[in-house]
Amino acid sequence: MLPKIIILAVLAVILASLFSALALMFRKDGEKNRMVQALTVRVALSIGLFLMLLAGFYFGIIPQRGLK
């Protein structure tokens, strides 16, 4: 149950970062540095989530389901 909560929380932060960058993109203030930082955070979180999922499968924390 805990891995599902962590995965959903990271996905929520990824989406928040994405929409933050979208909002900054439409501003006229010239906040391009903050937009790039928000997108960098999103990419880093996505890579981190992917690596966390791989580690979870490898160590058996997340059970593998599918065809046997």
N, C-alpha and C. Protein backbone atom coordinates (compact mmCIF):
# COMPACT_ATOMS: atom_id res chain seq x y z
N MET A 1 0.82 -1.20 0.00
CA MET A 1 0.00 0.00 0.00
C MET A 1 0.86 1.27 0.00
N LEU A 2 1.96 1.23 0.76
CA LEU A 2 2.84 2.38 0.83
C LEU A 2 3.49 2.71 -0.51
N PRO A 3 3.95 1.71 -1.30
CA PRO A 3 4.51 2.07 -2.61
C PRO A 3 3.50 2.76 -3.53
N LYS A 4 2.23 2.36 -3.46
CA LYS A 4 1.22 3.02 -4.29
C LYS A 4 1.04 4.48 -3.90
N ILE A 5 1.06 4.75 -2.59
CA ILE A 5 0.90 6.12 -2.12
C ILE A 5 2.09 6.98 -2.55
N ILE A 6 3.29 6.41 -2.45
CA ILE A 6 4.50 7.15 -2.86
C ILE A 6 4.47 7.43 -4.35
N ILE A 7 4.10 6.44 -5.14
CA ILE A 7 4.04 6.61 -6.60
C ILE A 7 3.02 7.68 -6.98
N LEU A 8 1.84 7.63 -6.35
CA LEU A 8 0.81 8.63 -6.65
C LEU A 8 1.23 10.02 -6.21
N ALA A 9 1.93 10.12 -5.08
CA ALA A 9 2.41 11.42 -4.62
C ALA A 9 3.44 12.01 -5.58
N VAL A 10 4.36 11.17 -6.05
CA VAL A 10 5.38 11.66 -7.00
C VAL A 10 4.72 12.07 -8.32
N LEU A 11 3.73 11.30 -8.77
CA LEU A 11 3.01 11.67 -10.00
C LEU A 11 2.28 13.00 -9.82
N ALA A 12 1.72 13.23 -8.64
CA ALA A 12 1.03 14.51 -8.39
C ALA A 12 2.01 15.67 -8.42
N VAL A 13 3.21 15.48 -7.86
CA VAL A 13 4.22 16.54 -7.89
C VAL A 13 4.71 16.77 -9.31
N ILE A 14 4.84 15.71 -10.10
CA ILE A 14 5.24 15.85 -11.50
C ILE A 14 4.20 16.67 -12.27
N LEU A 15 2.93 16.36 -12.06
CA LEU A 15 1.87 17.13 -12.74
C LEU A 15 1.84 18.58 -12.26
N ALA A 16 2.05 18.81 -10.98
CA ALA A 16 2.07 20.18 -10.46
C ALA A 16 3.22 20.97 -11.09
N SER A 17 4.37 20.34 -11.23
CA SER A 17 5.51 21.01 -11.86
C SER A 17 5.23 21.31 -13.32
N LEU A 18 4.57 20.38 -14.00
CA LEU A 18 4.24 20.59 -15.41
C LEU A 18 3.27 21.76 -15.59
N PHE A 19 2.24 21.82 -14.76
CA PHE A 19 1.28 22.92 -14.88
C PHE A 19 1.87 24.24 -14.40
N SER A 20 2.82 24.17 -13.47
CA SER A 20 3.52 25.38 -13.06
C SER A 20 4.32 25.95 -14.23
N ALA A 21 5.01 25.08 -14.95
CA ALA A 21 5.76 25.54 -16.13
C ALA A 21 4.82 26.09 -17.20
N LEU A 22 3.65 25.47 -17.35
CA LEU A 22 2.68 25.97 -18.32
C LEU A 22 2.21 27.37 -17.96
N ALA A 23 1.92 27.58 -16.67
CA ALA A 23 1.49 28.91 -16.23
C ALA A 23 2.59 29.94 -16.42
N LEU A 24 3.83 29.56 -16.14
CA LEU A 24 4.94 30.48 -16.32
C LEU A 24 5.20 30.78 -17.78
N MET A 25 4.87 29.86 -18.65
CA MET A 25 5.09 30.07 -20.07
C MET A 25 4.19 31.18 -20.61
N PHE A 26 2.99 31.29 -20.08
CA PHE A 26 2.04 32.28 -20.57
C PHE A 26 2.19 33.64 -19.92
N ARG A 27 3.05 33.77 -18.94
CA ARG A 27 3.28 35.08 -18.32
C ARG A 27 4.13 35.95 -19.23
N LYS A 28 3.93 37.23 -19.15
CA LYS A 28 4.67 38.18 -19.97
C LYS A 28 5.89 38.75 -19.24
N ASP A 29 6.13 38.29 -17.99
CA ASP A 29 7.18 38.88 -17.16
C ASP A 29 8.58 38.48 -17.59
N GLY A 30 8.70 37.49 -18.44
CA GLY A 30 10.02 37.01 -18.82
C GLY A 30 10.59 36.04 -17.80
N GLU A 31 9.74 35.25 -17.21
CA GLU A 31 10.14 34.28 -16.19
C GLU A 31 10.60 32.97 -16.83
N LYS A 32 11.43 33.06 -17.83
CA LYS A 32 11.85 31.85 -18.55
C LYS A 32 12.75 30.97 -17.68
N ASN A 33 13.55 31.58 -16.79
CA ASN A 33 14.42 30.78 -15.93
C ASN A 33 13.61 29.91 -14.99
N ARG A 34 12.54 30.45 -14.44
CA ARG A 34 11.69 29.67 -13.54
C ARG A 34 10.97 28.57 -14.30
N MET A 35 10.59 28.84 -15.55
CA MET A 35 9.94 27.81 -16.36
C MET A 35 10.90 26.66 -16.64
N VAL A 36 12.14 26.99 -16.97
CA VAL A 36 13.15 25.97 -17.23
C VAL A 36 13.41 25.17 -15.96
N GLN A 37 13.44 25.82 -14.81
CA GLN A 37 13.64 25.11 -13.55
C GLN A 37 12.48 24.17 -13.26
N ALA A 38 11.25 24.61 -13.53
CA ALA A 38 10.09 23.75 -13.29
C ALA A 38 10.13 22.53 -14.21
N LEU A 39 10.53 22.72 -15.45
CA LEU A 39 10.62 21.58 -16.37
C LEU A 39 11.78 20.66 -15.99
N THR A 40 12.86 21.23 -15.48
CA THR A 40 13.99 20.41 -15.02
C THR A 40 13.58 19.55 -13.82
N VAL A 41 12.81 20.14 -12.92
CA VAL A 41 12.31 19.38 -11.77
C VAL A 41 11.40 18.26 -12.25
N ARG A 42 10.56 18.53 -13.23
CA ARG A 42 9.65 17.51 -13.74
C ARG A 42 10.42 16.35 -14.36
N VAL A 43 11.44 16.66 -15.15
CA VAL A 43 12.23 15.60 -15.79
C VAL A 43 12.99 14.80 -14.74
N ALA A 44 13.57 15.47 -13.75
CA ALA A 44 14.31 14.77 -12.69
C ALA A 44 13.38 13.87 -11.88
N LEU A 45 12.19 14.34 -11.57
CA LEU A 45 11.23 13.51 -10.83
C LEU A 45 10.77 12.32 -11.66
N SER A 46 10.58 12.53 -12.95
CA SER A 46 10.16 11.43 -13.82
C SER A 46 11.24 10.35 -13.89
N ILE A 47 12.48 10.76 -14.04
CA ILE A 47 13.58 9.79 -14.07
C ILE A 47 13.71 9.09 -12.73
N GLY A 48 13.56 9.85 -11.65
CA GLY A 48 13.63 9.25 -10.32
C GLY A 48 12.51 8.25 -10.09
N LEU A 49 11.31 8.57 -10.54
CA LEU A 49 10.19 7.63 -10.41
C LEU A 49 10.44 6.37 -11.22
N PHE A 50 10.96 6.53 -12.41
CA PHE A 50 11.25 5.37 -13.25
C PHE A 50 12.28 4.46 -12.58
N LEU A 51 13.35 5.06 -12.05
CA LEU A 51 14.37 4.28 -11.37
C LEU A 51 13.82 3.62 -10.10
N MET A 52 12.94 4.33 -9.40
CA MET A 52 12.32 3.76 -8.20
C MET A 52 11.43 2.57 -8.56
N LEU A 53 10.71 2.66 -9.66
CA LEU A 53 9.89 1.53 -10.09
C LEU A 53 10.74 0.34 -10.50
N LEU A 54 11.84 0.60 -11.21
CA LEU A 54 12.76 -0.48 -11.57
C LEU A 54 13.33 -1.16 -10.32
N ALA A 55 13.73 -0.36 -9.35
CA ALA A 55 14.28 -0.92 -8.11
C ALA A 55 13.21 -1.70 -7.35
N GLY A 56 11.98 -1.20 -7.36
CA GLY A 56 10.89 -1.90 -6.69
C GLY A 56 10.61 -3.25 -7.30
N PHE A 57 10.66 -3.34 -8.62
CA PHE A 57 10.48 -4.62 -9.30
C PHE A 57 11.66 -5.56 -9.01
N TYR A 58 12.86 -5.01 -9.03
CA TYR A 58 14.05 -5.83 -8.84
C TYR A 58 14.10 -6.43 -7.44
N PHE A 59 13.80 -5.62 -6.42
CA PHE A 59 13.88 -6.08 -5.04
C PHE A 59 12.60 -6.75 -4.55
N GLY A 60 11.58 -6.84 -5.38
CA GLY A 60 10.36 -7.54 -5.02
C GLY A 60 9.38 -6.74 -4.20
N ILE A 61 9.59 -5.43 -4.08
CA ILE A 61 8.66 -4.59 -3.33
C ILE A 61 7.36 -4.45 -4.11
N ILE A 62 7.49 -4.35 -5.42
CA ILE A 62 6.32 -4.28 -6.31
C ILE A 62 6.22 -5.63 -7.01
N PRO A 63 5.15 -6.37 -6.79
CA PRO A 63 5.05 -7.71 -7.41
C PRO A 63 4.83 -7.61 -8.91
N GLN A 64 5.45 -8.54 -9.63
CA GLN A 64 5.27 -8.59 -11.07
C GLN A 64 4.02 -9.40 -11.37
N ARG A 65 3.16 -8.85 -12.19
CA ARG A 65 1.95 -9.54 -12.59
C ARG A 65 1.91 -9.61 -14.11
N GLY A 66 1.24 -10.60 -14.62
CA GLY A 66 1.14 -10.71 -16.06
C GLY A 66 1.05 -12.16 -16.48
N LEU A 67 1.44 -12.42 -17.70
CA LEU A 67 1.38 -13.78 -18.23
C LEU A 67 2.47 -14.64 -17.61
N LYS A 68 2.10 -15.86 -17.25
CA LYS A 68 3.09 -16.79 -16.69
C LYS A 68 3.10 -18.06 -17.48
